[in-house]
Amino acid sequence: MSREMRRYMEKEEQEAKERSRGVRPKRQRKERTSPAQFTREVRIELRKVVWPTRPEVVTYTVVVLIAVVVMTAVLWGIDSLLYKGVFALFS
């Protein structure tokens, strides 16, 4: 169970107790995480990441570059046609 989920459950239990006693729940100040704790949690989460292999990165990069070139050509073509159309219309 994550730290956030544990805190949420504790908060819900505390509020339920206070409601059953007829006490209005008071606002609690947010607990801050220390930089060391934050760093530990980041490292733990980064271990869970499935990192792409080098061939996958190369493949994805090539696909993106080809898509950019194709979209640039399409937009250039549309822009040229509109330019010629507007120029013909007003000349």
N, C-alpha and C. Protein backbone atom coordinates (compact mmCIF):
# COMPACT_ATOMS: atom_id res chain seq x y z
N MET A 1 0.85 -1.17 0.00
CA MET A 1 0.00 0.00 0.00
C MET A 1 0.90 1.23 0.00
N SER A 2 0.57 2.17 -0.82
CA SER A 2 1.39 3.38 -0.93
C SER A 2 1.18 4.28 0.28
N ARG A 3 2.12 5.16 0.48
CA ARG A 3 2.06 6.10 1.59
C ARG A 3 0.83 6.99 1.49
N GLU A 4 0.52 7.42 0.27
CA GLU A 4 -0.64 8.29 0.09
C GLU A 4 -1.93 7.57 0.43
N MET A 5 -2.04 6.31 0.01
CA MET A 5 -3.25 5.55 0.29
C MET A 5 -3.39 5.31 1.80
N ARG A 6 -2.29 5.02 2.47
CA ARG A 6 -2.32 4.80 3.91
C ARG A 6 -2.77 6.07 4.62
N ARG A 7 -2.22 7.21 4.21
CA ARG A 7 -2.61 8.48 4.83
C ARG A 7 -4.08 8.78 4.59
N TYR A 8 -4.56 8.49 3.39
CA TYR A 8 -5.96 8.73 3.06
C TYR A 8 -6.86 7.88 3.94
N MET A 9 -6.50 6.60 4.10
CA MET A 9 -7.31 5.71 4.93
C MET A 9 -7.29 6.15 6.39
N GLU A 10 -6.13 6.56 6.89
CA GLU A 10 -6.05 7.05 8.27
C GLU A 10 -6.91 8.29 8.45
N LYS A 11 -6.87 9.17 7.48
CA LYS A 11 -7.67 10.39 7.55
C LYS A 11 -9.16 10.06 7.55
N GLU A 12 -9.57 9.13 6.70
CA GLU A 12 -10.98 8.72 6.65
C GLU A 12 -11.42 8.10 7.98
N GLU A 13 -10.58 7.26 8.57
CA GLU A 13 -10.91 6.65 9.86
C GLU A 13 -11.05 7.71 10.94
N GLN A 14 -10.13 8.67 10.96
CA GLN A 14 -10.17 9.74 11.96
C GLN A 14 -11.45 10.56 11.79
N GLU A 15 -11.80 10.91 10.56
CA GLU A 15 -13.00 11.70 10.33
C GLU A 15 -14.25 10.92 10.71
N ALA A 16 -14.25 9.60 10.45
CA ALA A 16 -15.40 8.78 10.82
C ALA A 16 -15.57 8.75 12.35
N LYS A 17 -14.45 8.65 13.09
CA LYS A 17 -14.52 8.66 14.55
C LYS A 17 -15.08 9.99 15.04
N GLU A 18 -14.58 11.08 14.47
CA GLU A 18 -15.03 12.41 14.90
C GLU A 18 -16.51 12.62 14.57
N ARG A 19 -16.96 12.14 13.43
CA ARG A 19 -18.37 12.27 13.06
C ARG A 19 -19.25 11.47 14.01
N SER A 20 -18.79 10.28 14.41
CA SER A 20 -19.59 9.45 15.30
C SER A 20 -19.70 10.10 16.69
N ARG A 21 -18.71 10.89 17.10
CA ARG A 21 -18.75 11.59 18.38
C ARG A 21 -19.46 12.94 18.26
N GLY A 22 -19.81 13.32 17.03
CA GLY A 22 -20.48 14.59 16.83
C GLY A 22 -19.52 15.76 16.78
N VAL A 23 -18.25 15.48 16.61
CA VAL A 23 -17.24 16.53 16.55
C VAL A 23 -17.03 16.92 15.10
N ARG A 24 -16.99 18.21 14.90
CA ARG A 24 -16.74 18.69 13.54
C ARG A 24 -15.26 18.47 13.21
N PRO A 25 -14.97 17.80 12.08
CA PRO A 25 -13.56 17.53 11.76
C PRO A 25 -12.81 18.84 11.50
N LYS A 26 -11.60 18.92 12.10
CA LYS A 26 -10.81 20.13 11.90
C LYS A 26 -9.87 19.91 10.72
N ARG A 27 -9.50 21.01 10.12
CA ARG A 27 -8.59 20.92 8.99
C ARG A 27 -7.21 20.57 9.48
N GLN A 28 -6.64 19.57 8.84
CA GLN A 28 -5.30 19.17 9.23
C GLN A 28 -4.30 19.78 8.26
N ARG A 29 -3.17 20.13 8.82
CA ARG A 29 -2.11 20.68 7.99
C ARG A 29 -1.47 19.55 7.21
N LYS A 30 -1.19 19.78 5.93
CA LYS A 30 -0.58 18.75 5.10
C LYS A 30 0.80 18.41 5.62
N GLU A 31 1.07 17.12 5.71
CA GLU A 31 2.39 16.68 6.13
C GLU A 31 3.33 16.73 4.94
N ARG A 32 4.48 17.33 5.14
CA ARG A 32 5.44 17.48 4.05
C ARG A 32 6.39 16.29 4.03
N THR A 33 6.80 15.94 2.83
CA THR A 33 7.76 14.85 2.65
C THR A 33 9.17 15.44 2.63
N SER A 34 10.07 14.77 3.32
CA SER A 34 11.45 15.25 3.34
C SER A 34 12.09 14.98 1.98
N PRO A 35 13.11 15.75 1.63
CA PRO A 35 13.79 15.51 0.35
C PRO A 35 14.37 14.10 0.25
N ALA A 36 14.86 13.56 1.37
CA ALA A 36 15.41 12.20 1.34
C ALA A 36 14.32 11.18 1.05
N GLN A 37 13.16 11.34 1.69
CA GLN A 37 12.03 10.43 1.45
C GLN A 37 11.56 10.54 0.01
N PHE A 38 11.47 11.77 -0.50
CA PHE A 38 11.06 11.98 -1.88
C PHE A 38 12.01 11.27 -2.84
N THR A 39 13.31 11.41 -2.61
CA THR A 39 14.31 10.78 -3.47
C THR A 39 14.18 9.26 -3.43
N ARG A 40 14.00 8.71 -2.24
CA ARG A 40 13.82 7.25 -2.13
C ARG A 40 12.60 6.79 -2.91
N GLU A 41 11.49 7.51 -2.78
CA GLU A 41 10.27 7.12 -3.48
C GLU A 41 10.42 7.25 -4.99
N VAL A 42 11.12 8.28 -5.44
CA VAL A 42 11.35 8.44 -6.88
C VAL A 42 12.16 7.27 -7.41
N ARG A 43 13.22 6.89 -6.69
CA ARG A 43 14.04 5.75 -7.12
C ARG A 43 13.22 4.46 -7.17
N ILE A 44 12.35 4.26 -6.18
CA ILE A 44 11.50 3.06 -6.17
C ILE A 44 10.59 3.06 -7.38
N GLU A 45 9.98 4.20 -7.68
CA GLU A 45 9.07 4.27 -8.83
C GLU A 45 9.81 4.09 -10.14
N LEU A 46 11.03 4.64 -10.24
CA LEU A 46 11.78 4.51 -11.49
C LEU A 46 12.21 3.07 -11.74
N ARG A 47 12.35 2.28 -10.69
CA ARG A 47 12.68 0.86 -10.88
C ARG A 47 11.51 0.11 -11.51
N LYS A 48 10.29 0.63 -11.34
CA LYS A 48 9.11 -0.02 -11.90
C LYS A 48 8.91 0.28 -13.38
N VAL A 49 9.59 1.30 -13.89
CA VAL A 49 9.43 1.72 -15.28
C VAL A 49 10.02 0.67 -16.22
N VAL A 50 9.28 0.37 -17.27
CA VAL A 50 9.80 -0.53 -18.30
C VAL A 50 10.46 0.34 -19.35
N TRP A 51 11.79 0.35 -19.34
CA TRP A 51 12.54 1.21 -20.24
C TRP A 51 12.64 0.55 -21.61
N PRO A 52 12.50 1.32 -22.70
CA PRO A 52 12.62 0.74 -24.04
C PRO A 52 14.06 0.35 -24.33
N THR A 53 14.19 -0.66 -25.19
CA THR A 53 15.53 -1.08 -25.60
C THR A 53 16.06 -0.12 -26.66
N ARG A 54 17.34 -0.20 -26.94
CA ARG A 54 17.95 0.69 -27.93
C ARG A 54 17.30 0.52 -29.31
N PRO A 55 17.06 -0.72 -29.80
CA PRO A 55 16.40 -0.85 -31.11
C PRO A 55 15.00 -0.25 -31.13
N GLU A 56 14.28 -0.36 -30.01
CA GLU A 56 12.94 0.25 -29.96
C GLU A 56 13.03 1.77 -30.06
N VAL A 57 13.99 2.35 -29.37
CA VAL A 57 14.15 3.81 -29.42
C VAL A 57 14.50 4.26 -30.83
N VAL A 58 15.39 3.53 -31.49
CA VAL A 58 15.77 3.87 -32.86
C VAL A 58 14.55 3.76 -33.78
N THR A 59 13.79 2.68 -33.63
CA THR A 59 12.60 2.48 -34.47
C THR A 59 11.59 3.61 -34.26
N TYR A 60 11.30 3.94 -33.00
CA TYR A 60 10.34 5.00 -32.71
C TYR A 60 10.82 6.35 -33.24
N THR A 61 12.12 6.60 -33.14
CA THR A 61 12.68 7.85 -33.63
C THR A 61 12.51 7.96 -35.14
N VAL A 62 12.80 6.88 -35.84
CA VAL A 62 12.66 6.88 -37.31
C VAL A 62 11.20 7.10 -37.69
N VAL A 63 10.29 6.43 -36.99
CA VAL A 63 8.85 6.59 -37.29
C VAL A 63 8.43 8.04 -37.08
N VAL A 64 8.87 8.65 -36.01
CA VAL A 64 8.50 10.04 -35.73
C VAL A 64 9.07 10.98 -36.79
N LEU A 65 10.32 10.77 -37.16
CA LEU A 65 10.93 11.63 -38.19
C LEU A 65 10.21 11.50 -39.53
N ILE A 66 9.86 10.27 -39.91
CA ILE A 66 9.12 10.07 -41.16
C ILE A 66 7.76 10.76 -41.09
N ALA A 67 7.07 10.62 -39.95
CA ALA A 67 5.76 11.26 -39.79
C ALA A 67 5.88 12.78 -39.89
N VAL A 68 6.94 13.34 -39.31
CA VAL A 68 7.14 14.79 -39.37
C VAL A 68 7.38 15.24 -40.81
N VAL A 69 8.20 14.49 -41.55
CA VAL A 69 8.48 14.85 -42.94
C VAL A 69 7.20 14.77 -43.77
N VAL A 70 6.42 13.70 -43.58
CA VAL A 70 5.17 13.54 -44.35
C VAL A 70 4.20 14.66 -44.03
N MET A 71 4.01 14.97 -42.74
CA MET A 71 3.07 16.02 -42.38
C MET A 71 3.55 17.39 -42.87
N THR A 72 4.85 17.61 -42.86
CA THR A 72 5.39 18.86 -43.40
C THR A 72 5.09 18.98 -44.89
N ALA A 73 5.27 17.90 -45.61
CA ALA A 73 4.99 17.91 -47.05
C ALA A 73 3.50 18.15 -47.32
N VAL A 74 2.64 17.50 -46.55
CA VAL A 74 1.19 17.69 -46.73
C VAL A 74 0.81 19.14 -46.46
N LEU A 75 1.27 19.69 -45.35
CA LEU A 75 0.93 21.08 -45.03
C LEU A 75 1.52 22.05 -46.03
N TRP A 76 2.74 21.79 -46.52
CA TRP A 76 3.33 22.64 -47.54
C TRP A 76 2.48 22.60 -48.82
N GLY A 77 2.01 21.40 -49.20
CA GLY A 77 1.17 21.27 -50.39
C GLY A 77 -0.14 22.03 -50.24
N ILE A 78 -0.78 21.88 -49.09
CA ILE A 78 -2.04 22.60 -48.86
C ILE A 78 -1.80 24.10 -48.86
N ASP A 79 -0.74 24.54 -48.23
CA ASP A 79 -0.41 25.97 -48.18
C ASP A 79 -0.16 26.51 -49.59
N SER A 80 0.56 25.75 -50.41
CA SER A 80 0.85 26.18 -51.78
C SER A 80 -0.43 26.30 -52.60
N LEU A 81 -1.32 25.31 -52.46
CA LEU A 81 -2.59 25.36 -53.20
C LEU A 81 -3.43 26.55 -52.76
N LEU A 82 -3.51 26.79 -51.46
CA LEU A 82 -4.29 27.93 -50.99
C LEU A 82 -3.67 29.25 -51.43
N TYR A 83 -2.35 29.33 -51.42
CA TYR A 83 -1.67 30.54 -51.86
C TYR A 83 -2.00 30.83 -53.32
N LYS A 84 -1.87 29.79 -54.16
CA LYS A 84 -2.16 29.98 -55.59
C LYS A 84 -3.62 30.32 -55.82
N GLY A 85 -4.51 29.69 -55.04
CA GLY A 85 -5.94 29.97 -55.19
C GLY A 85 -6.27 31.41 -54.81
N VAL A 86 -5.75 31.87 -53.69
CA VAL A 86 -6.01 33.23 -53.24
C VAL A 86 -5.36 34.24 -54.19
N PHE A 87 -4.16 33.95 -54.65
CA PHE A 87 -3.46 34.83 -55.58
C PHE A 87 -4.25 34.93 -56.89
N ALA A 88 -4.77 33.79 -57.39
CA ALA A 88 -5.56 33.79 -58.63
C ALA A 88 -6.88 34.54 -58.44
N LEU A 89 -7.46 34.40 -57.26
CA LEU A 89 -8.74 35.03 -56.97
C LEU A 89 -8.61 36.56 -56.93
N PHE A 90 -7.53 37.07 -56.37
CA PHE A 90 -7.40 38.52 -56.20
C PHE A 90 -6.55 39.21 -57.28
N SER A 91 -6.04 38.44 -58.23
CA SER A 91 -5.23 39.11 -59.25
C SER A 91 -6.00 39.28 -60.54
